[in-house]
């Protein structure tokens, strides 16, 4: 389960975030490309934009559910 105390600083402020358990599998970036991107320096994904509509929210939830290491959380600020 994702831990807000261990979230990456690159995450956009708000509900969703990626923490340091990310294994850079690309699932979230493929599922919700309008919201997740990759840190080339860190070799992990992060949420660069919080969902702004129902479709983006649904895709972020889908990415969270599908994350193989549960590195996506939805209990942020």
PDB file of N, CA and C in Angstrom:
ATOM      1  N   UNK A   1       0.836  -1.176   0.000  1.00  0.00           N
ATOM      2  CA  UNK A   1       0.000   0.000   0.000  1.00  0.00           C
ATOM      3  C   UNK A   1       0.886   1.246   0.000  1.00  0.00           C
ATOM      4  N   UNK A   2       0.561   2.200  -0.856  1.00  0.00           N
ATOM      5  CA  UNK A   2       1.336   3.429  -0.978  1.00  0.00           C
ATOM      6  C   UNK A   2       1.319   4.207   0.336  1.00  0.00           C
ATOM      7  N   UNK A   3       2.431   4.894   0.585  1.00  0.00           N
ATOM      8  CA  UNK A   3       2.589   5.650   1.818  1.00  0.00           C
ATOM      9  C   UNK A   3       2.890   7.113   1.472  1.00  0.00           C
ATOM     10  N   UNK A   4       2.006   8.009   1.860  1.00  0.00           N
ATOM     11  CA  UNK A   4       2.174   9.429   1.547  1.00  0.00           C
ATOM     12  C   UNK A   4       3.476   9.978   2.119  1.00  0.00           C
ATOM     13  N   UNK A   5       3.983   9.395   3.195  1.00  0.00           N
ATOM     14  CA  UNK A   5       5.242   9.860   3.789  1.00  0.00           C
ATOM     15  C   UNK A   5       6.431   9.572   2.881  1.00  0.00           C
ATOM     16  N   UNK A   6       6.267   8.622   1.945  1.00  0.00           N
ATOM     17  CA  UNK A   6       7.348   8.229   1.047  1.00  0.00           C
ATOM     18  C   UNK A   6       7.084   8.610  -0.410  1.00  0.00           C
ATOM     19  N   UNK A   7       6.176   9.562  -0.640  1.00  0.00           N
ATOM     20  CA  UNK A   7       5.863   9.936  -2.020  1.00  0.00           C
ATOM     21  C   UNK A   7       6.984  10.778  -2.614  1.00  0.00           C
ATOM     22  N   UNK A   8       7.135  10.651  -3.925  1.00  0.00           N
ATOM     23  CA  UNK A   8       8.145  11.428  -4.634  1.00  0.00           C
ATOM     24  C   UNK A   8       7.769  12.911  -4.644  1.00  0.00           C
ATOM     25  N   UNK A   9       8.772  13.753  -4.525  1.00  0.00           N
ATOM     26  CA  UNK A   9       8.534  15.194  -4.486  1.00  0.00           C
ATOM     27  C   UNK A   9       8.041  15.736  -5.822  1.00  0.00           C
ATOM     28  N   UNK A  10       8.267  15.006  -6.922  1.00  0.00           N
ATOM     29  CA  UNK A  10       7.816  15.469  -8.233  1.00  0.00           C
ATOM     30  C   UNK A  10       6.297  15.397  -8.397  1.00  0.00           C
ATOM     31  N   UNK A  11       5.609  14.621  -7.566  1.00  0.00           N
ATOM     32  CA  UNK A  11       4.166  14.481  -7.691  1.00  0.00           C
ATOM     33  C   UNK A  11       3.475  15.831  -7.594  1.00  0.00           C
ATOM     34  N   UNK A  12       2.470  16.026  -8.442  1.00  0.00           N
ATOM     35  CA  UNK A  12       1.634  17.217  -8.338  1.00  0.00           C
ATOM     36  C   UNK A  12       0.873  17.162  -7.020  1.00  0.00           C
ATOM     37  N   UNK A  13       0.749  18.278  -6.384  1.00  0.00           N
ATOM     38  CA  UNK A  13       0.035  18.349  -5.112  1.00  0.00           C
ATOM     39  C   UNK A  13      -1.418  17.944  -5.308  1.00  0.00           C
ATOM     40  N   UNK A  14      -1.921  17.132  -4.396  1.00  0.00           N
ATOM     41  CA  UNK A  14      -3.311  16.704  -4.475  1.00  0.00           C
ATOM     42  C   UNK A  14      -3.503  15.277  -4.033  1.00  0.00           C
ATOM     43  N   UNK A  15      -4.620  14.721  -4.392  1.00  0.00           N
ATOM     44  CA  UNK A  15      -5.067  13.420  -3.919  1.00  0.00           C
ATOM     45  C   UNK A  15      -4.149  12.264  -4.321  1.00  0.00           C
ATOM     46  N   UNK A  16      -3.810  12.152  -5.591  1.00  0.00           N
ATOM     47  CA  UNK A  16      -3.027  11.011  -6.068  1.00  0.00           C
ATOM     48  C   UNK A  16      -1.532  11.286  -5.982  1.00  0.00           C
ATOM     49  N   UNK A  17      -0.752  10.224  -5.823  1.00  0.00           N
ATOM     50  CA  UNK A  17       0.709  10.326  -5.784  1.00  0.00           C
ATOM     51  C   UNK A  17       1.325   8.959  -6.048  1.00  0.00           C
ATOM     52  N   UNK A  18       2.624   8.940  -6.337  1.00  0.00           N
ATOM     53  CA  UNK A  18       3.406   7.713  -6.473  1.00  0.00           C
ATOM     54  C   UNK A  18       4.475   7.759  -5.384  1.00  0.00           C
ATOM     55  N   UNK A  19       4.675   6.628  -4.692  1.00  0.00           N
ATOM     56  CA  UNK A  19       5.693   6.605  -3.646  1.00  0.00           C
ATOM     57  C   UNK A  19       6.932   5.839  -4.096  1.00  0.00           C
ATOM     58  N   UNK A  20       7.879   5.696  -3.190  1.00  0.00           N
ATOM     59  CA  UNK A  20       9.192   5.129  -3.527  1.00  0.00           C
ATOM     60  C   UNK A  20       9.203   3.613  -3.743  1.00  0.00           C
ATOM     61  N   UNK A  21       8.044   2.989  -3.762  1.00  0.00           N
ATOM     62  CA  UNK A  21       7.964   1.563  -4.079  1.00  0.00           C
ATOM     63  C   UNK A  21       7.857   1.310  -5.588  1.00  0.00           C
ATOM     64  N   UNK A  22       7.732   2.367  -6.372  1.00  0.00           N
ATOM     65  CA  UNK A  22       7.571   2.257  -7.827  1.00  0.00           C
ATOM     66  C   UNK A  22       8.741   1.494  -8.451  1.00  0.00           C
ATOM     67  N   UNK A  23       8.410   0.548  -9.329  1.00  0.00           N
ATOM     68  CA  UNK A  23       9.426  -0.251 -10.022  1.00  0.00           C
ATOM     69  C   UNK A  23       9.553   0.140 -11.496  1.00  0.00           C
ATOM     70  N   UNK A  24       8.942   1.255 -11.868  1.00  0.00           N
ATOM     71  CA  UNK A  24       9.054   1.777 -13.232  1.00  0.00           C
ATOM     72  C   UNK A  24       8.536   0.793 -14.279  1.00  0.00           C
ATOM     73  N   UNK A  25       7.408   0.160 -13.988  1.00  0.00           N
ATOM     74  CA  UNK A  25       6.871  -0.861 -14.892  1.00  0.00           C
ATOM     75  C   UNK A  25       6.123  -0.278 -16.092  1.00  0.00           C
ATOM     76  N   UNK A  26       5.747   0.991 -16.045  1.00  0.00           N
ATOM     77  CA  UNK A  26       5.085   1.690 -17.135  1.00  0.00           C
ATOM     78  C   UNK A  26       3.567   1.518 -17.164  1.00  0.00           C
ATOM     79  N   UNK A  27       2.983   0.729 -16.283  1.00  0.00           N
ATOM     80  CA  UNK A  27       1.541   0.496 -16.314  1.00  0.00           C
ATOM     81  C   UNK A  27       0.763   1.791 -16.138  1.00  0.00           C
ATOM     82  N   UNK A  28       1.135   2.594 -15.164  1.00  0.00           N
ATOM     83  CA  UNK A  28       0.380   3.835 -14.929  1.00  0.00           C
ATOM     84  C   UNK A  28       0.520   4.802 -16.088  1.00  0.00           C
ATOM     85  N   UNK A  29       1.707   4.882 -16.672  1.00  0.00           N
ATOM     86  CA  UNK A  29       1.927   5.782 -17.806  1.00  0.00           C
ATOM     87  C   UNK A  29       1.138   5.339 -19.027  1.00  0.00           C
ATOM     88  N   UNK A  30       0.979   4.043 -19.207  1.00  0.00           N
ATOM     89  CA  UNK A  30       0.174   3.535 -20.323  1.00  0.00           C
ATOM     90  C   UNK A  30      -1.312   3.708 -20.050  1.00  0.00           C
ATOM     91  N   UNK A  31      -1.714   3.539 -18.803  1.00  0.00           N
ATOM     92  CA  UNK A  31      -3.127   3.624 -18.435  1.00  0.00           C
ATOM     93  C   UNK A  31      -3.632   5.060 -18.402  1.00  0.00           C
ATOM     94  N   UNK A  32      -2.842   5.948 -17.811  1.00  0.00           N
ATOM     95  CA  UNK A  32      -3.259   7.349 -17.655  1.00  0.00           C
ATOM     96  C   UNK A  32      -2.133   8.292 -18.078  1.00  0.00           C
ATOM     97  N   UNK A  33      -1.830   8.325 -19.380  1.00  0.00           N
ATOM     98  CA  UNK A  33      -0.705   9.140 -19.857  1.00  0.00           C
ATOM     99  C   UNK A  33      -0.894  10.650 -19.672  1.00  0.00           C
ATOM    100  N   UNK A  34      -2.114  11.092 -19.477  1.00  0.00           N
ATOM    101  CA  UNK A  34      -2.363  12.518 -19.250  1.00  0.00           C
ATOM    102  C   UNK A  34      -2.005  12.932 -17.829  1.00  0.00           C
ATOM    103  N   UNK A  35      -1.711  11.939 -16.971  1.00  0.00           N
ATOM    104  CA  UNK A  35      -1.456  12.239 -15.567  1.00  0.00           C
ATOM    105  C   UNK A  35      -0.116  11.726 -15.034  1.00  0.00           C
ATOM    106  N   UNK A  36       0.349  10.609 -15.557  1.00  0.00           N
ATOM    107  CA  UNK A  36       1.600  10.021 -15.077  1.00  0.00           C
ATOM    108  C   UNK A  36       2.700  10.175 -16.122  1.00  0.00           C
ATOM    109  N   UNK A  37       3.917  10.358 -15.640  1.00  0.00           N
ATOM    110  CA  UNK A  37       5.078  10.417 -16.514  1.00  0.00           C
ATOM    111  C   UNK A  37       6.249   9.750 -15.799  1.00  0.00           C
ATOM    112  N   UNK A  38       7.390   9.714 -16.484  1.00  0.00           N
ATOM    113  CA  UNK A  38       8.573   9.040 -15.944  1.00  0.00           C
ATOM    114  C   UNK A  38       9.643  10.052 -15.581  1.00  0.00           C
ATOM    115  N   UNK A  39      10.292   9.802 -14.460  1.00  0.00           N
ATOM    116  CA  UNK A  39      11.469  10.573 -14.082  1.00  0.00           C
ATOM    117  C   UNK A  39      12.676   9.844 -14.658  1.00  0.00           C
ATOM    118  N   UNK A  40      13.272  10.410 -15.694  1.00  0.00           N
ATOM    119  CA  UNK A  40      14.437   9.770 -16.304  1.00  0.00           C
ATOM    120  C   UNK A  40      15.616   9.715 -15.338  1.00  0.00           C
ATOM    121  N   UNK A  41      15.745  10.729 -14.502  1.00  0.00           N
ATOM    122  CA  UNK A  41      16.836  10.745 -13.528  1.00  0.00           C
ATOM    123  C   UNK A  41      16.646   9.698 -12.434  1.00  0.00           C
ATOM    124  N   UNK A  42      15.393   9.536 -11.990  1.00  0.00           N
ATOM    125  CA  UNK A  42      15.134   8.639 -10.869  1.00  0.00           C
ATOM    126  C   UNK A  42      14.716   7.235 -11.255  1.00  0.00           C
ATOM    127  N   UNK A  43      14.320   7.028 -12.520  1.00  0.00           N
ATOM    128  CA  UNK A  43      13.877   5.703 -12.948  1.00  0.00           C
ATOM    129  C   UNK A  43      12.596   5.263 -12.274  1.00  0.00           C
ATOM    130  N   UNK A  44      11.630   6.177 -12.169  1.00  0.00           N
ATOM    131  CA  UNK A  44      10.331   5.863 -11.581  1.00  0.00           C
ATOM    132  C   UNK A  44       9.264   6.757 -12.210  1.00  0.00           C
ATOM    133  N   UNK A  45       8.040   6.398 -11.984  1.00  0.00           N
ATOM    134  CA  UNK A  45       6.914   7.210 -12.439  1.00  0.00           C
ATOM    135  C   UNK A  45       6.507   8.178 -11.337  1.00  0.00           C
ATOM    136  N   UNK A  46       5.799   9.220 -11.751  1.00  0.00           N
ATOM    137  CA  UNK A  46       5.186  10.120 -10.787  1.00  0.00           C
ATOM    138  C   UNK A  46       3.975  10.779 -11.441  1.00  0.00           C
ATOM    139  N   UNK A  47       3.123  11.354 -10.628  1.00  0.00           N
ATOM    140  CA  UNK A  47       1.917  12.005 -11.116  1.00  0.00           C
ATOM    141  C   UNK A  47       2.238  13.471 -11.373  1.00  0.00           C
ATOM    142  N   UNK A  48       2.278  13.859 -12.641  1.00  0.00           N
ATOM    143  CA  UNK A  48       2.638  15.240 -12.961  1.00  0.00           C
ATOM    144  C   UNK A  48       1.419  16.153 -13.000  1.00  0.00           C
ATOM    145  N   UNK A  49       0.210  15.568 -13.067  1.00  0.00           N
ATOM    146  CA  UNK A  49      -1.013  16.366 -13.115  1.00  0.00           C
ATOM    147  C   UNK A  49      -2.144  15.589 -12.456  1.00  0.00           C
ATOM    148  N   UNK A  50      -2.787  16.212 -11.500  1.00  0.00           N
ATOM    149  CA  UNK A  50      -3.943  15.588 -10.861  1.00  0.00           C
ATOM    150  C   UNK A  50      -5.083  15.491 -11.884  1.00  0.00           C
ATOM    151  N   UNK A  51      -5.956  14.485 -11.741  1.00  0.00           N
ATOM    152  CA  UNK A  51      -7.070  14.357 -12.683  1.00  0.00           C
ATOM    153  C   UNK A  51      -7.964  15.594 -12.667  1.00  0.00           C
ATOM    154  N   UNK A  52      -8.375  16.016 -13.853  1.00  0.00           N
ATOM    155  CA  UNK A  52      -9.184  17.224 -13.990  1.00  0.00           C
ATOM    156  C   UNK A  52     -10.603  16.957 -14.483  1.00  0.00           C
ATOM    157  N   UNK A  53     -10.909  15.695 -14.786  1.00  0.00           N
ATOM    158  CA  UNK A  53     -12.263  15.365 -15.234  1.00  0.00           C
ATOM    159  C   UNK A  53     -12.549  13.909 -14.884  1.00  0.00           C
ATOM    160  N   UNK A  54     -13.760  13.480 -15.145  1.00  0.00           N
ATOM    161  CA  UNK A  54     -14.193  12.133 -14.772  1.00  0.00           C
ATOM    162  C   UNK A  54     -13.375  11.042 -15.472  1.00  0.00           C
ATOM    163  N   UNK A  55     -13.030  11.263 -16.737  1.00  0.00           N
ATOM    164  CA  UNK A  55     -12.246  10.266 -17.471  1.00  0.00           C
ATOM    165  C   UNK A  55     -10.855  10.116 -16.866  1.00  0.00           C
ATOM    166  N   UNK A  56     -10.194  11.236 -16.581  1.00  0.00           N
ATOM    167  CA  UNK A  56      -8.861  11.169 -15.982  1.00  0.00           C
ATOM    168  C   UNK A  56      -8.923  10.540 -14.593  1.00  0.00           C
ATOM    169  N   UNK A  57      -9.943  10.857 -13.827  1.00  0.00           N
ATOM    170  CA  UNK A  57     -10.107  10.261 -12.505  1.00  0.00           C
ATOM    171  C   UNK A  57     -10.257   8.748 -12.608  1.00  0.00           C
ATOM    172  N   UNK A  58     -11.073   8.315 -13.545  1.00  0.00           N
ATOM    173  CA  UNK A  58     -11.285   6.875 -13.747  1.00  0.00           C
ATOM    174  C   UNK A  58      -9.982   6.185 -14.124  1.00  0.00           C
ATOM    175  N   UNK A  59      -9.211   6.802 -15.012  1.00  0.00           N
ATOM    176  CA  UNK A  59      -7.957   6.193 -15.447  1.00  0.00           C
ATOM    177  C   UNK A  59      -6.904   6.185 -14.329  1.00  0.00           C
ATOM    178  N   UNK A  60      -6.885   7.212 -13.507  1.00  0.00           N
ATOM    179  CA  UNK A  60      -5.965   7.214 -12.358  1.00  0.00           C
ATOM    180  C   UNK A  60      -6.346   6.125 -11.361  1.00  0.00           C
ATOM    181  N   UNK A  61      -7.631   5.953 -11.140  1.00  0.00           N
ATOM    182  CA  UNK A  61      -8.100   4.866 -10.256  1.00  0.00           C
ATOM    183  C   UNK A  61      -7.722   3.511 -10.841  1.00  0.00           C
ATOM    184  N   UNK A  62      -7.870   3.359 -12.159  1.00  0.00           N
ATOM    185  CA  UNK A  62      -7.504   2.111 -12.828  1.00  0.00           C
ATOM    186  C   UNK A  62      -6.006   1.840 -12.686  1.00  0.00           C
ATOM    187  N   UNK A  63      -5.192   2.880 -12.845  1.00  0.00           N
ATOM    188  CA  UNK A  63      -3.741   2.731 -12.679  1.00  0.00           C
ATOM    189  C   UNK A  63      -3.410   2.333 -11.243  1.00  0.00           C
ATOM    190  N   UNK A  64      -4.074   2.956 -10.290  1.00  0.00           N
ATOM    191  CA  UNK A  64      -3.845   2.628  -8.873  1.00  0.00           C
ATOM    192  C   UNK A  64      -4.183   1.165  -8.600  1.00  0.00           C
ATOM    193  N   UNK A  65      -5.316   0.724  -9.093  1.00  0.00           N
ATOM    194  CA  UNK A  65      -5.751  -0.659  -8.885  1.00  0.00           C
ATOM    195  C   UNK A  65      -4.803  -1.651  -9.556  1.00  0.00           C
ATOM    196  N   UNK A  66      -4.291  -1.296 -10.738  1.00  0.00           N
ATOM    197  CA  UNK A  66      -3.444  -2.200 -11.498  1.00  0.00           C
ATOM    198  C   UNK A  66      -1.981  -2.196 -11.097  1.00  0.00           C
ATOM    199  N   UNK A  67      -1.555  -1.229 -10.313  1.00  0.00           N
ATOM    200  CA  UNK A  67      -0.133  -1.124  -9.944  1.00  0.00           C
ATOM    201  C   UNK A  67       0.332  -2.406  -9.248  1.00  0.00           C
ATOM    202  N   UNK A  68       1.342  -3.093  -9.791  1.00  0.00           N
ATOM    203  CA  UNK A  68       1.739  -4.390  -9.232  1.00  0.00           C
ATOM    204  C   UNK A  68       2.399  -4.298  -7.854  1.00  0.00           C
ATOM    205  N   UNK A  69       2.889  -3.128  -7.487  1.00  0.00           N
ATOM    206  CA  UNK A  69       3.536  -2.989  -6.170  1.00  0.00           C
ATOM    207  C   UNK A  69       2.797  -2.004  -5.271  1.00  0.00           C
ATOM    208  N   UNK A  70       1.599  -1.597  -5.664  1.00  0.00           N
ATOM    209  CA  UNK A  70       0.759  -0.680  -4.893  1.00  0.00           C
ATOM    210  C   UNK A  70       1.491   0.613  -4.535  1.00  0.00           C
ATOM    211  N   UNK A  71       2.206   1.179  -5.517  1.00  0.00           N
ATOM    212  CA  UNK A  71       2.970   2.401  -5.285  1.00  0.00           C
ATOM    213  C   UNK A  71       2.149   3.665  -5.534  1.00  0.00           C
ATOM    214  N   UNK A  72       0.927   3.529  -5.980  1.00  0.00           N
ATOM    215  CA  UNK A  72       0.062   4.688  -6.241  1.00  0.00           C
ATOM    216  C   UNK A  72      -0.917   4.833  -5.090  1.00  0.00           C
ATOM    217  N   UNK A  73      -0.941   6.017  -4.522  1.00  0.00           N
ATOM    218  CA  UNK A  73      -1.867   6.287  -3.426  1.00  0.00           C
ATOM    219  C   UNK A  73      -2.863   7.342  -3.811  1.00  0.00           C
ATOM    220  N   UNK A  74      -3.943   7.409  -3.061  1.00  0.00           N
ATOM    221  CA  UNK A  74      -4.974   8.431  -3.317  1.00  0.00           C
ATOM    222  C   UNK A  74      -5.402   9.111  -2.040  1.00  0.00           C
ATOM    223  N   UNK A  75      -4.490   9.209  -1.104  1.00  0.00           N
ATOM    224  CA  UNK A  75      -4.818   9.853   0.164  1.00  0.00           C
ATOM    225  C   UNK A  75      -3.947  11.071   0.413  1.00  0.00           C
ATOM    226  N   UNK A  76      -3.503  11.696  -0.672  1.00  0.00           N
ATOM    227  CA  UNK A  76      -2.643  12.867  -0.558  1.00  0.00           C
ATOM    228  C   UNK A  76      -3.405  14.090  -0.089  1.00  0.00           C
ATOM    229  N   UNK A  77      -2.778  15.234  -0.240  1.00  0.00           N
ATOM    230  CA  UNK A  77      -3.320  16.519   0.217  1.00  0.00           C
ATOM    231  C   UNK A  77      -4.654  16.830  -0.410  1.00  0.00           C
TER     232      UNK A  77
END
